[in-house]
């Protein structure tokens, strides 16, 4: 799939290593964990998720589909993916998130 120049979509853990300047102004600054127990759980157990960055004045024509699959491997498990989607001024995108278990 071709995306417009400057658009990025990758896993959050890798992006934290290589694109910290795009992430730091936004991660853990928009949702208060003090007021929402689900945000608190997500923040406490943050390991990975998705990072999508769309520069200003960019239109992404295709639907971006983020798919998350979990596998318990025979034991109880839980996951808390953290997704950071940054869309610049005057930009447009359609993003769908799907979650499933094996």
N, C-alpha and C. Protein backbone atom coordinates (compact mmCIF):
# COMPACT_ATOMS: atom_id res chain seq x y z
N UNK A 1 0.84 -1.18 0.00
CA UNK A 1 0.00 0.00 0.00
C UNK A 1 0.89 1.24 0.00
N UNK A 2 0.60 2.15 -0.88
CA UNK A 2 1.32 3.42 -0.93
C UNK A 2 0.62 4.43 -0.04
N UNK A 3 1.39 5.13 0.75
CA UNK A 3 0.85 6.20 1.59
C UNK A 3 1.54 7.50 1.21
N UNK A 4 0.91 8.62 1.49
CA UNK A 4 1.52 9.91 1.15
C UNK A 4 2.87 10.11 1.86
N UNK A 5 3.71 10.91 1.25
CA UNK A 5 5.04 11.20 1.81
C UNK A 5 4.93 11.70 3.24
N UNK A 6 5.79 11.18 4.10
CA UNK A 6 5.83 11.61 5.49
C UNK A 6 4.90 10.84 6.41
N UNK A 7 3.98 10.09 5.85
CA UNK A 7 3.05 9.30 6.66
C UNK A 7 3.79 8.07 7.20
N UNK A 8 3.54 7.77 8.47
CA UNK A 8 4.20 6.62 9.09
C UNK A 8 3.18 5.77 9.82
N UNK A 9 3.36 4.46 9.76
CA UNK A 9 2.53 3.52 10.53
C UNK A 9 3.43 2.37 10.92
N UNK A 10 3.63 2.18 12.22
CA UNK A 10 4.49 1.11 12.71
C UNK A 10 4.18 0.82 14.16
N UNK A 11 4.87 -0.16 14.71
CA UNK A 11 4.60 -0.46 16.11
C UNK A 11 5.23 0.61 17.00
N UNK A 12 4.57 0.88 18.10
CA UNK A 12 4.95 1.98 18.98
C UNK A 12 6.32 1.77 19.61
N UNK A 13 6.64 0.55 20.01
CA UNK A 13 7.93 0.29 20.65
C UNK A 13 9.10 0.66 19.73
N UNK A 14 9.02 0.28 18.47
CA UNK A 14 10.08 0.61 17.51
C UNK A 14 10.12 2.12 17.25
N UNK A 15 8.97 2.73 17.14
CA UNK A 15 8.91 4.17 16.88
C UNK A 15 9.48 4.97 18.05
N UNK A 16 9.30 4.49 19.27
CA UNK A 16 9.88 5.17 20.43
C UNK A 16 11.40 5.22 20.35
N UNK A 17 11.99 4.24 19.70
CA UNK A 17 13.45 4.21 19.57
C UNK A 17 13.95 5.13 18.46
N UNK A 18 13.19 5.26 17.39
CA UNK A 18 13.70 5.97 16.21
C UNK A 18 13.01 7.30 15.91
N UNK A 19 11.82 7.52 16.49
CA UNK A 19 11.07 8.74 16.16
C UNK A 19 10.53 9.42 17.41
N UNK A 20 11.35 9.43 18.43
CA UNK A 20 10.94 9.98 19.73
C UNK A 20 10.45 11.42 19.63
N UNK A 21 11.06 12.22 18.72
CA UNK A 21 10.66 13.63 18.60
C UNK A 21 9.22 13.80 18.13
N UNK A 22 8.69 12.82 17.40
CA UNK A 22 7.29 12.87 16.97
C UNK A 22 6.34 12.37 18.06
N UNK A 23 6.83 11.52 18.95
CA UNK A 23 6.00 10.85 19.93
C UNK A 23 5.91 11.60 21.25
N UNK A 24 7.03 12.07 21.76
CA UNK A 24 7.07 12.66 23.10
C UNK A 24 6.08 13.79 23.34
N UNK A 25 5.82 14.67 22.37
CA UNK A 25 4.85 15.74 22.65
C UNK A 25 3.42 15.23 22.88
N UNK A 26 3.14 13.97 22.55
CA UNK A 26 1.76 13.47 22.59
C UNK A 26 1.53 12.31 23.57
N UNK A 27 2.47 11.39 23.68
CA UNK A 27 2.26 10.18 24.48
C UNK A 27 2.12 10.53 25.95
N UNK A 28 1.05 9.99 26.56
CA UNK A 28 0.75 10.18 27.99
C UNK A 28 0.43 11.63 28.34
N UNK A 29 -0.04 12.40 27.38
CA UNK A 29 -0.38 13.80 27.65
C UNK A 29 -1.85 14.12 27.35
N UNK A 30 -2.56 13.22 26.71
CA UNK A 30 -3.92 13.53 26.27
C UNK A 30 -5.01 12.89 27.11
N UNK A 31 -4.69 11.80 27.80
CA UNK A 31 -5.69 11.10 28.61
C UNK A 31 -5.16 10.99 30.04
N UNK A 32 -5.96 11.43 30.98
CA UNK A 32 -5.55 11.45 32.38
C UNK A 32 -5.80 10.10 33.05
N UNK A 33 -4.74 9.47 33.55
CA UNK A 33 -4.91 8.18 34.22
C UNK A 33 -5.52 8.36 35.61
N UNK A 34 -5.45 9.56 36.18
CA UNK A 34 -6.03 9.79 37.50
C UNK A 34 -7.55 9.69 37.48
N UNK A 35 -8.16 10.00 36.36
CA UNK A 35 -9.61 10.04 36.27
C UNK A 35 -10.23 8.84 35.57
N UNK A 36 -9.42 7.95 35.01
CA UNK A 36 -9.96 6.85 34.23
C UNK A 36 -9.17 5.57 34.53
N UNK A 37 -9.80 4.58 35.14
CA UNK A 37 -9.08 3.35 35.50
C UNK A 37 -8.54 2.59 34.29
N UNK A 38 -9.21 2.65 33.16
CA UNK A 38 -8.71 1.96 31.97
C UNK A 38 -7.45 2.62 31.42
N UNK A 39 -7.40 3.93 31.47
CA UNK A 39 -6.19 4.63 31.06
C UNK A 39 -5.06 4.32 32.04
N UNK A 40 -5.37 4.22 33.32
CA UNK A 40 -4.35 3.87 34.32
C UNK A 40 -3.77 2.48 34.05
N UNK A 41 -4.62 1.50 33.75
CA UNK A 41 -4.13 0.16 33.44
C UNK A 41 -3.27 0.17 32.17
N UNK A 42 -3.75 0.86 31.17
CA UNK A 42 -3.02 0.94 29.91
C UNK A 42 -1.66 1.59 30.11
N UNK A 43 -1.60 2.63 30.92
CA UNK A 43 -0.35 3.33 31.18
C UNK A 43 0.61 2.47 32.00
N UNK A 44 0.08 1.79 33.01
CA UNK A 44 0.92 0.97 33.89
C UNK A 44 1.56 -0.20 33.16
N UNK A 45 0.84 -0.79 32.22
CA UNK A 45 1.32 -1.99 31.54
C UNK A 45 1.70 -1.75 30.08
N UNK A 46 2.01 -0.51 29.75
CA UNK A 46 2.38 -0.17 28.39
C UNK A 46 3.61 -0.97 27.94
N UNK A 47 3.45 -1.74 26.90
CA UNK A 47 4.58 -2.47 26.33
C UNK A 47 4.71 -2.16 24.84
N UNK A 48 3.57 -2.03 24.15
CA UNK A 48 3.62 -1.78 22.72
C UNK A 48 2.23 -1.36 22.25
N UNK A 49 2.11 -1.13 20.99
CA UNK A 49 0.86 -0.72 20.37
C UNK A 49 1.16 -0.24 18.97
N UNK A 50 0.39 0.71 18.51
CA UNK A 50 0.56 1.23 17.16
C UNK A 50 0.89 2.72 17.21
N UNK A 51 1.69 3.15 16.24
CA UNK A 51 1.99 4.56 16.07
C UNK A 51 1.67 4.93 14.63
N UNK A 52 0.79 5.89 14.45
CA UNK A 52 0.44 6.40 13.13
C UNK A 52 0.68 7.90 13.15
N UNK A 53 1.41 8.38 12.16
CA UNK A 53 1.70 9.81 12.04
C UNK A 53 1.33 10.26 10.64
N UNK A 54 0.49 11.27 10.56
CA UNK A 54 0.08 11.84 9.28
C UNK A 54 0.42 13.33 9.32
N UNK A 55 1.32 13.78 8.45
CA UNK A 55 1.74 15.18 8.48
C UNK A 55 0.60 16.14 8.13
N UNK A 56 0.80 17.38 8.42
CA UNK A 56 -0.22 18.40 8.12
C UNK A 56 -0.46 18.49 6.61
N UNK A 57 -1.69 18.84 6.29
CA UNK A 57 -2.14 18.99 4.90
C UNK A 57 -1.93 17.72 4.07
N UNK A 58 -2.24 16.58 4.69
CA UNK A 58 -2.10 15.29 4.02
C UNK A 58 -3.43 14.56 4.05
N UNK A 59 -3.82 14.00 2.91
CA UNK A 59 -5.03 13.19 2.83
C UNK A 59 -4.60 11.76 2.52
N UNK A 60 -4.98 10.83 3.39
CA UNK A 60 -4.70 9.41 3.17
C UNK A 60 -5.98 8.81 2.59
N UNK A 61 -5.93 8.42 1.34
CA UNK A 61 -7.12 7.91 0.65
C UNK A 61 -7.54 6.52 1.13
N UNK A 62 -6.55 5.65 1.41
CA UNK A 62 -6.87 4.28 1.82
C UNK A 62 -7.25 4.27 3.31
N UNK A 63 -8.06 3.30 3.68
CA UNK A 63 -8.37 3.09 5.10
C UNK A 63 -7.16 2.41 5.73
N UNK A 64 -6.70 2.96 6.84
CA UNK A 64 -5.62 2.32 7.60
C UNK A 64 -6.27 1.38 8.62
N UNK A 65 -5.93 0.11 8.56
CA UNK A 65 -6.55 -0.90 9.42
C UNK A 65 -5.50 -1.44 10.38
N UNK A 66 -5.68 -1.16 11.66
CA UNK A 66 -4.79 -1.67 12.70
C UNK A 66 -5.41 -2.94 13.26
N UNK A 67 -4.70 -4.04 13.17
CA UNK A 67 -5.22 -5.35 13.61
C UNK A 67 -4.36 -5.83 14.77
N UNK A 68 -5.01 -6.16 15.89
CA UNK A 68 -4.32 -6.66 17.08
C UNK A 68 -4.85 -8.05 17.39
N UNK A 69 -3.97 -9.05 17.40
CA UNK A 69 -4.34 -10.42 17.73
C UNK A 69 -3.59 -10.84 18.98
N UNK A 70 -4.29 -11.51 19.89
CA UNK A 70 -3.68 -12.01 21.11
C UNK A 70 -3.81 -13.51 21.17
N UNK A 71 -2.81 -14.14 21.78
CA UNK A 71 -2.83 -15.58 21.99
C UNK A 71 -2.42 -15.86 23.43
N UNK A 72 -3.23 -16.62 24.16
CA UNK A 72 -2.95 -16.88 25.57
C UNK A 72 -1.91 -17.97 25.76
N UNK A 73 -1.65 -18.79 24.75
CA UNK A 73 -0.68 -19.89 24.84
C UNK A 73 -0.96 -20.81 26.02
N UNK A 74 -2.22 -21.10 26.26
CA UNK A 74 -2.60 -22.05 27.29
C UNK A 74 -2.68 -21.50 28.69
N UNK A 75 -2.42 -20.22 28.88
CA UNK A 75 -2.51 -19.63 30.21
C UNK A 75 -3.24 -18.30 30.12
N UNK A 76 -3.72 -17.83 31.26
CA UNK A 76 -4.44 -16.57 31.28
C UNK A 76 -3.51 -15.44 30.86
N UNK A 77 -4.05 -14.51 30.10
CA UNK A 77 -3.22 -13.37 29.67
C UNK A 77 -4.10 -12.14 29.50
N UNK A 78 -3.44 -11.02 29.42
CA UNK A 78 -4.10 -9.75 29.20
C UNK A 78 -3.13 -8.87 28.42
N UNK A 79 -3.65 -7.99 27.58
CA UNK A 79 -2.78 -7.06 26.87
C UNK A 79 -3.42 -5.68 26.89
N UNK A 80 -2.56 -4.69 26.89
CA UNK A 80 -3.01 -3.30 26.93
C UNK A 80 -2.27 -2.52 25.85
N UNK A 81 -2.62 -2.70 24.59
CA UNK A 81 -1.90 -1.94 23.56
C UNK A 81 -2.20 -0.45 23.68
N UNK A 82 -1.18 0.33 23.50
CA UNK A 82 -1.34 1.78 23.52
C UNK A 82 -1.17 2.26 22.09
N UNK A 83 -2.16 2.92 21.57
CA UNK A 83 -2.10 3.44 20.20
C UNK A 83 -1.96 4.95 20.26
N UNK A 84 -1.04 5.46 19.48
CA UNK A 84 -0.85 6.90 19.36
C UNK A 84 -1.04 7.25 17.89
N UNK A 85 -2.07 8.03 17.62
CA UNK A 85 -2.38 8.45 16.26
C UNK A 85 -2.31 9.97 16.22
N UNK A 86 -1.36 10.49 15.48
CA UNK A 86 -1.14 11.92 15.38
C UNK A 86 -1.50 12.35 13.96
N UNK A 87 -2.48 13.21 13.84
CA UNK A 87 -2.94 13.70 12.53
C UNK A 87 -2.74 15.21 12.50
N UNK A 88 -1.93 15.66 11.55
CA UNK A 88 -1.61 17.08 11.46
C UNK A 88 -2.79 17.94 11.04
N UNK A 89 -2.63 19.23 11.23
CA UNK A 89 -3.66 20.20 10.83
C UNK A 89 -4.01 20.04 9.36
N UNK A 90 -5.29 20.20 9.04
CA UNK A 90 -5.79 20.15 7.67
C UNK A 90 -5.52 18.80 7.00
N UNK A 91 -5.49 17.72 7.78
CA UNK A 91 -5.26 16.38 7.24
C UNK A 91 -6.50 15.52 7.43
N UNK A 92 -6.56 14.42 6.67
CA UNK A 92 -7.70 13.51 6.76
C UNK A 92 -7.21 12.07 6.66
N UNK A 93 -7.86 11.20 7.44
CA UNK A 93 -7.56 9.77 7.38
C UNK A 93 -8.71 9.00 7.99
N UNK A 94 -8.91 7.79 7.54
CA UNK A 94 -9.86 6.86 8.14
C UNK A 94 -9.06 5.71 8.73
N UNK A 95 -9.22 5.50 10.03
CA UNK A 95 -8.47 4.47 10.72
C UNK A 95 -9.44 3.54 11.43
N UNK A 96 -9.27 2.24 11.21
CA UNK A 96 -10.11 1.22 11.83
C UNK A 96 -9.22 0.38 12.73
N UNK A 97 -9.67 0.10 13.94
CA UNK A 97 -8.95 -0.79 14.85
C UNK A 97 -9.76 -2.06 15.04
N UNK A 98 -9.10 -3.22 14.93
CA UNK A 98 -9.75 -4.51 15.17
C UNK A 98 -8.93 -5.28 16.19
N UNK A 99 -9.62 -5.92 17.14
CA UNK A 99 -8.98 -6.70 18.19
C UNK A 99 -9.56 -8.11 18.17
N UNK A 100 -8.70 -9.10 18.29
CA UNK A 100 -9.19 -10.49 18.28
C UNK A 100 -8.27 -11.39 19.07
N UNK A 101 -8.76 -12.57 19.36
CA UNK A 101 -7.98 -13.56 20.08
C UNK A 101 -7.96 -14.86 19.30
N UNK A 102 -6.90 -15.61 19.48
CA UNK A 102 -6.77 -16.89 18.80
C UNK A 102 -7.26 -18.01 19.70
